[in-house]
Amino acid sequence: MISLEDCIGLCGLDEEQVAAISEHEHIPEIAAAALASYLLKQPHGSETIRTMIIDDIHKALDQGHIRHAAELFMALRHFLEQNPDARVGLDVEQTVINLAQS
């Protein structure tokens, strides 16, 4: 039987990034891993994942969950390092400023 860890390992993202998709979409992590795998193969799919993680950061900050927002920010940072195509159209400095003001 294939495990959640196996699915995450095969989807192209790490556990924190899959958890962010799961949180954003309100779906189990196993489904989020499948969605991640699908999106990474689509045009602009990396940008969609980036937007999901940024949305999660905003929500965490709005709810006062600073530590969780920091964890999500690290997941975003790693995602952008691993997926340079996700940076298309992203003004990193402005994004950081916007997140800090949330």
N, C-alpha and C. Protein backbone atom coordinates (compact mmCIF):
# COMPACT_ATOMS: atom_id res chain seq x y z
N MET A 1 0.84 -1.17 0.00
CA MET A 1 0.00 0.00 0.00
C MET A 1 0.89 1.24 0.00
N ILE A 2 0.49 2.23 -0.77
CA ILE A 2 1.25 3.48 -0.85
C ILE A 2 0.82 4.39 0.31
N SER A 3 1.80 5.00 0.94
CA SER A 3 1.52 5.84 2.11
C SER A 3 1.44 7.31 1.72
N LEU A 4 0.98 8.12 2.65
CA LEU A 4 0.94 9.57 2.45
C LEU A 4 2.35 10.08 2.16
N GLU A 5 3.33 9.61 2.91
CA GLU A 5 4.71 10.04 2.71
C GLU A 5 5.19 9.70 1.30
N ASP A 6 4.79 8.52 0.80
CA ASP A 6 5.14 8.14 -0.57
C ASP A 6 4.53 9.12 -1.58
N CYS A 7 3.26 9.44 -1.38
CA CYS A 7 2.57 10.36 -2.29
C CYS A 7 3.22 11.73 -2.27
N ILE A 8 3.56 12.21 -1.08
CA ILE A 8 4.21 13.51 -0.98
C ILE A 8 5.57 13.45 -1.67
N GLY A 9 6.29 12.38 -1.48
CA GLY A 9 7.59 12.23 -2.13
C GLY A 9 7.51 12.20 -3.64
N LEU A 10 6.41 11.72 -4.17
CA LEU A 10 6.24 11.61 -5.61
C LEU A 10 5.63 12.85 -6.26
N CYS A 11 5.04 13.74 -5.47
CA CYS A 11 4.26 14.84 -6.05
C CYS A 11 5.09 16.02 -6.49
N GLY A 12 6.32 16.14 -6.02
CA GLY A 12 7.17 17.24 -6.43
C GLY A 12 7.25 18.38 -5.44
N LEU A 13 6.54 18.27 -4.33
CA LEU A 13 6.60 19.28 -3.28
C LEU A 13 7.03 18.62 -1.98
N ASP A 14 7.36 19.45 -0.99
CA ASP A 14 7.68 18.88 0.31
C ASP A 14 6.43 18.88 1.21
N GLU A 15 6.58 18.30 2.37
CA GLU A 15 5.44 18.10 3.27
C GLU A 15 4.76 19.41 3.66
N GLU A 16 5.55 20.45 3.93
CA GLU A 16 4.98 21.74 4.34
C GLU A 16 4.20 22.39 3.21
N GLN A 17 4.69 22.25 1.99
CA GLN A 17 4.01 22.82 0.84
C GLN A 17 2.70 22.09 0.57
N VAL A 18 2.71 20.77 0.70
CA VAL A 18 1.48 19.99 0.54
C VAL A 18 0.49 20.35 1.64
N ALA A 19 0.97 20.54 2.85
CA ALA A 19 0.09 20.93 3.95
C ALA A 19 -0.55 22.29 3.68
N ALA A 20 0.19 23.21 3.07
CA ALA A 20 -0.37 24.52 2.74
C ALA A 20 -1.49 24.40 1.71
N ILE A 21 -1.30 23.55 0.71
CA ILE A 21 -2.35 23.32 -0.29
C ILE A 21 -3.57 22.68 0.38
N SER A 22 -3.31 21.72 1.25
CA SER A 22 -4.39 21.07 1.99
C SER A 22 -5.20 22.08 2.79
N GLU A 23 -4.49 22.97 3.46
CA GLU A 23 -5.14 24.02 4.27
C GLU A 23 -5.95 24.96 3.38
N HIS A 24 -5.37 25.37 2.28
CA HIS A 24 -6.03 26.32 1.39
C HIS A 24 -7.29 25.74 0.76
N GLU A 25 -7.19 24.51 0.33
CA GLU A 25 -8.30 23.87 -0.40
C GLU A 25 -9.26 23.11 0.51
N HIS A 26 -8.92 23.00 1.80
CA HIS A 26 -9.75 22.26 2.76
C HIS A 26 -9.96 20.82 2.31
N ILE A 27 -8.84 20.19 1.95
CA ILE A 27 -8.86 18.80 1.50
C ILE A 27 -7.80 18.03 2.27
N PRO A 28 -7.91 16.70 2.34
CA PRO A 28 -6.88 15.90 3.01
C PRO A 28 -5.53 16.04 2.29
N GLU A 29 -4.47 15.82 3.04
CA GLU A 29 -3.13 15.97 2.47
C GLU A 29 -2.89 15.03 1.30
N ILE A 30 -3.47 13.85 1.33
CA ILE A 30 -3.28 12.91 0.21
C ILE A 30 -3.86 13.49 -1.08
N ALA A 31 -5.02 14.15 -0.95
CA ALA A 31 -5.63 14.81 -2.12
C ALA A 31 -4.81 16.03 -2.52
N ALA A 32 -4.26 16.74 -1.55
CA ALA A 32 -3.42 17.90 -1.84
C ALA A 32 -2.15 17.48 -2.59
N ALA A 33 -1.60 16.33 -2.24
CA ALA A 33 -0.42 15.83 -2.95
C ALA A 33 -0.76 15.54 -4.41
N ALA A 34 -1.92 14.94 -4.63
CA ALA A 34 -2.36 14.67 -6.01
C ALA A 34 -2.60 15.97 -6.76
N LEU A 35 -3.23 16.93 -6.11
CA LEU A 35 -3.47 18.23 -6.74
C LEU A 35 -2.15 18.91 -7.08
N ALA A 36 -1.20 18.86 -6.16
CA ALA A 36 0.12 19.46 -6.41
C ALA A 36 0.78 18.83 -7.62
N SER A 37 0.74 17.52 -7.70
CA SER A 37 1.34 16.82 -8.83
C SER A 37 0.70 17.27 -10.14
N TYR A 38 -0.61 17.37 -10.13
CA TYR A 38 -1.34 17.83 -11.32
C TYR A 38 -0.96 19.27 -11.68
N LEU A 39 -1.01 20.15 -10.69
CA LEU A 39 -0.75 21.58 -10.95
C LEU A 39 0.67 21.81 -11.46
N LEU A 40 1.64 21.08 -10.94
CA LEU A 40 3.03 21.27 -11.37
C LEU A 40 3.23 20.90 -12.83
N LYS A 41 2.30 20.16 -13.40
CA LYS A 41 2.40 19.77 -14.81
C LYS A 41 1.59 20.69 -15.72
N GLN A 42 0.90 21.67 -15.14
CA GLN A 42 0.04 22.57 -15.91
C GLN A 42 0.74 23.91 -16.15
N PRO A 43 0.40 24.55 -17.28
CA PRO A 43 0.92 25.91 -17.47
C PRO A 43 0.42 26.80 -16.32
N HIS A 44 1.29 27.54 -15.74
CA HIS A 44 0.97 28.45 -14.64
C HIS A 44 0.55 27.72 -13.35
N GLY A 45 0.74 26.42 -13.30
CA GLY A 45 0.38 25.66 -12.10
C GLY A 45 1.22 26.05 -10.90
N SER A 46 2.50 26.32 -11.13
CA SER A 46 3.37 26.76 -10.03
C SER A 46 2.91 28.10 -9.48
N GLU A 47 2.44 28.97 -10.35
CA GLU A 47 1.92 30.26 -9.91
C GLU A 47 0.66 30.07 -9.06
N THR A 48 -0.16 29.09 -9.42
CA THR A 48 -1.36 28.80 -8.65
C THR A 48 -1.00 28.32 -7.25
N ILE A 49 -0.01 27.45 -7.16
CA ILE A 49 0.44 26.96 -5.85
C ILE A 49 1.01 28.12 -5.04
N ARG A 50 1.81 28.96 -5.67
CA ARG A 50 2.36 30.14 -4.99
C ARG A 50 1.25 30.99 -4.40
N THR A 51 0.21 31.24 -5.18
CA THR A 51 -0.92 32.05 -4.72
C THR A 51 -1.62 31.39 -3.54
N MET A 52 -1.77 30.08 -3.58
CA MET A 52 -2.40 29.36 -2.47
C MET A 52 -1.61 29.58 -1.17
N ILE A 53 -0.30 29.44 -1.27
CA ILE A 53 0.53 29.59 -0.07
C ILE A 53 0.47 31.02 0.45
N ILE A 54 0.53 31.99 -0.46
CA ILE A 54 0.43 33.39 -0.04
C ILE A 54 -0.92 33.67 0.61
N ASP A 55 -1.98 33.12 0.05
CA ASP A 55 -3.31 33.27 0.66
C ASP A 55 -3.33 32.71 2.08
N ASP A 56 -2.70 31.55 2.25
CA ASP A 56 -2.64 30.92 3.58
C ASP A 56 -1.88 31.82 4.56
N ILE A 57 -0.81 32.45 4.09
CA ILE A 57 -0.03 33.34 4.96
C ILE A 57 -0.90 34.52 5.40
N HIS A 58 -1.60 35.12 4.45
CA HIS A 58 -2.49 36.24 4.78
C HIS A 58 -3.54 35.82 5.82
N LYS A 59 -4.14 34.67 5.62
CA LYS A 59 -5.16 34.19 6.55
C LYS A 59 -4.57 33.98 7.94
N ALA A 60 -3.40 33.36 8.02
CA ALA A 60 -2.76 33.13 9.31
C ALA A 60 -2.46 34.45 10.01
N LEU A 61 -1.96 35.43 9.26
CA LEU A 61 -1.67 36.74 9.85
C LEU A 61 -2.94 37.43 10.32
N ASP A 62 -3.99 37.35 9.51
CA ASP A 62 -5.27 37.96 9.88
C ASP A 62 -5.83 37.37 11.16
N GLN A 63 -5.55 36.09 11.39
CA GLN A 63 -6.05 35.41 12.58
C GLN A 63 -5.07 35.52 13.75
N GLY A 64 -3.96 36.21 13.54
CA GLY A 64 -2.98 36.39 14.61
C GLY A 64 -2.09 35.18 14.86
N HIS A 65 -2.04 34.25 13.91
CA HIS A 65 -1.23 33.05 14.04
C HIS A 65 0.15 33.31 13.41
N ILE A 66 0.94 34.08 14.12
CA ILE A 66 2.23 34.53 13.59
C ILE A 66 3.19 33.37 13.34
N ARG A 67 3.26 32.44 14.27
CA ARG A 67 4.18 31.30 14.10
C ARG A 67 3.80 30.48 12.87
N HIS A 68 2.50 30.25 12.69
CA HIS A 68 2.05 29.48 11.53
C HIS A 68 2.35 30.25 10.24
N ALA A 69 2.14 31.57 10.28
CA ALA A 69 2.46 32.40 9.10
C ALA A 69 3.95 32.29 8.76
N ALA A 70 4.79 32.27 9.79
CA ALA A 70 6.24 32.14 9.56
C ALA A 70 6.57 30.78 8.94
N GLU A 71 5.90 29.74 9.40
CA GLU A 71 6.12 28.40 8.81
C GLU A 71 5.69 28.39 7.35
N LEU A 72 4.56 29.01 7.07
CA LEU A 72 4.08 29.08 5.69
C LEU A 72 5.02 29.92 4.82
N PHE A 73 5.56 30.99 5.40
CA PHE A 73 6.50 31.82 4.66
C PHE A 73 7.73 31.01 4.27
N MET A 74 8.21 30.18 5.18
CA MET A 74 9.36 29.32 4.86
C MET A 74 9.00 28.31 3.78
N ALA A 75 7.77 27.78 3.84
CA ALA A 75 7.32 26.86 2.79
C ALA A 75 7.29 27.58 1.44
N LEU A 76 6.82 28.83 1.44
CA LEU A 76 6.80 29.63 0.22
C LEU A 76 8.21 29.88 -0.29
N ARG A 77 9.09 30.22 0.61
CA ARG A 77 10.48 30.49 0.23
C ARG A 77 11.11 29.26 -0.42
N HIS A 78 10.93 28.10 0.19
CA HIS A 78 11.48 26.86 -0.38
C HIS A 78 10.82 26.54 -1.72
N PHE A 79 9.52 26.77 -1.79
CA PHE A 79 8.81 26.51 -3.05
C PHE A 79 9.38 27.37 -4.17
N LEU A 80 9.60 28.65 -3.90
CA LEU A 80 10.13 29.55 -4.93
C LEU A 80 11.56 29.19 -5.30
N GLU A 81 12.33 28.68 -4.35
CA GLU A 81 13.69 28.23 -4.66
C GLU A 81 13.66 26.99 -5.55
N GLN A 82 12.73 26.10 -5.29
CA GLN A 82 12.63 24.84 -6.03
C GLN A 82 11.93 25.00 -7.38
N ASN A 83 11.12 26.04 -7.50
CA ASN A 83 10.30 26.23 -8.70
C ASN A 83 10.45 27.66 -9.22
N PRO A 84 11.55 27.95 -9.91
CA PRO A 84 11.79 29.31 -10.38
C PRO A 84 10.67 29.86 -11.27
N ASP A 85 9.97 28.98 -11.98
CA ASP A 85 8.87 29.44 -12.83
C ASP A 85 7.72 30.03 -12.01
N ALA A 86 7.66 29.73 -10.71
CA ALA A 86 6.62 30.27 -9.85
C ALA A 86 6.88 31.74 -9.52
N ARG A 87 8.07 32.22 -9.83
CA ARG A 87 8.42 33.61 -9.56
C ARG A 87 7.95 34.56 -10.65
N VAL A 88 7.47 34.02 -11.76
CA VAL A 88 7.04 34.84 -12.89
C VAL A 88 5.97 35.82 -12.42
N GLY A 89 6.23 37.09 -12.69
CA GLY A 89 5.26 38.13 -12.33
C GLY A 89 5.21 38.46 -10.85
N LEU A 90 6.13 37.92 -10.07
CA LEU A 90 6.13 38.14 -8.63
C LEU A 90 7.18 39.18 -8.27
N ASP A 91 6.75 40.24 -7.63
CA ASP A 91 7.66 41.23 -7.08
C ASP A 91 7.91 40.81 -5.64
N VAL A 92 9.02 40.13 -5.40
CA VAL A 92 9.30 39.53 -4.09
C VAL A 92 9.33 40.59 -3.00
N GLU A 93 10.00 41.71 -3.27
CA GLU A 93 10.09 42.75 -2.24
C GLU A 93 8.70 43.27 -1.88
N GLN A 94 7.87 43.52 -2.88
CA GLN A 94 6.53 44.03 -2.61
C GLN A 94 5.69 42.99 -1.89
N THR A 95 5.84 41.72 -2.21
CA THR A 95 5.10 40.66 -1.54
C THR A 95 5.47 40.61 -0.06
N VAL A 96 6.75 40.71 0.24
CA VAL A 96 7.20 40.69 1.64
C VAL A 96 6.63 41.90 2.38
N ILE A 97 6.66 43.07 1.75
CA ILE A 97 6.10 44.27 2.37
C ILE A 97 4.61 44.09 2.63
N ASN A 98 3.89 43.56 1.65
CA ASN A 98 2.45 43.34 1.82
C ASN A 98 2.17 42.36 2.95
N LEU A 99 2.95 41.30 3.05
CA LEU A 99 2.75 40.32 4.11
C LEU A 99 3.04 40.94 5.47
N ALA A 100 4.07 41.76 5.53
CA ALA A 100 4.44 42.41 6.81
C ALA A 100 3.35 43.37 7.26
N GLN A 101 2.62 43.95 6.32
CA GLN A 101 1.57 44.90 6.68
C GLN A 101 0.26 44.23 7.03
N SER A 102 0.15 42.92 6.76
CA SER A 102 -1.10 42.20 7.07
C SER A 102 -1.34 42.11 8.56
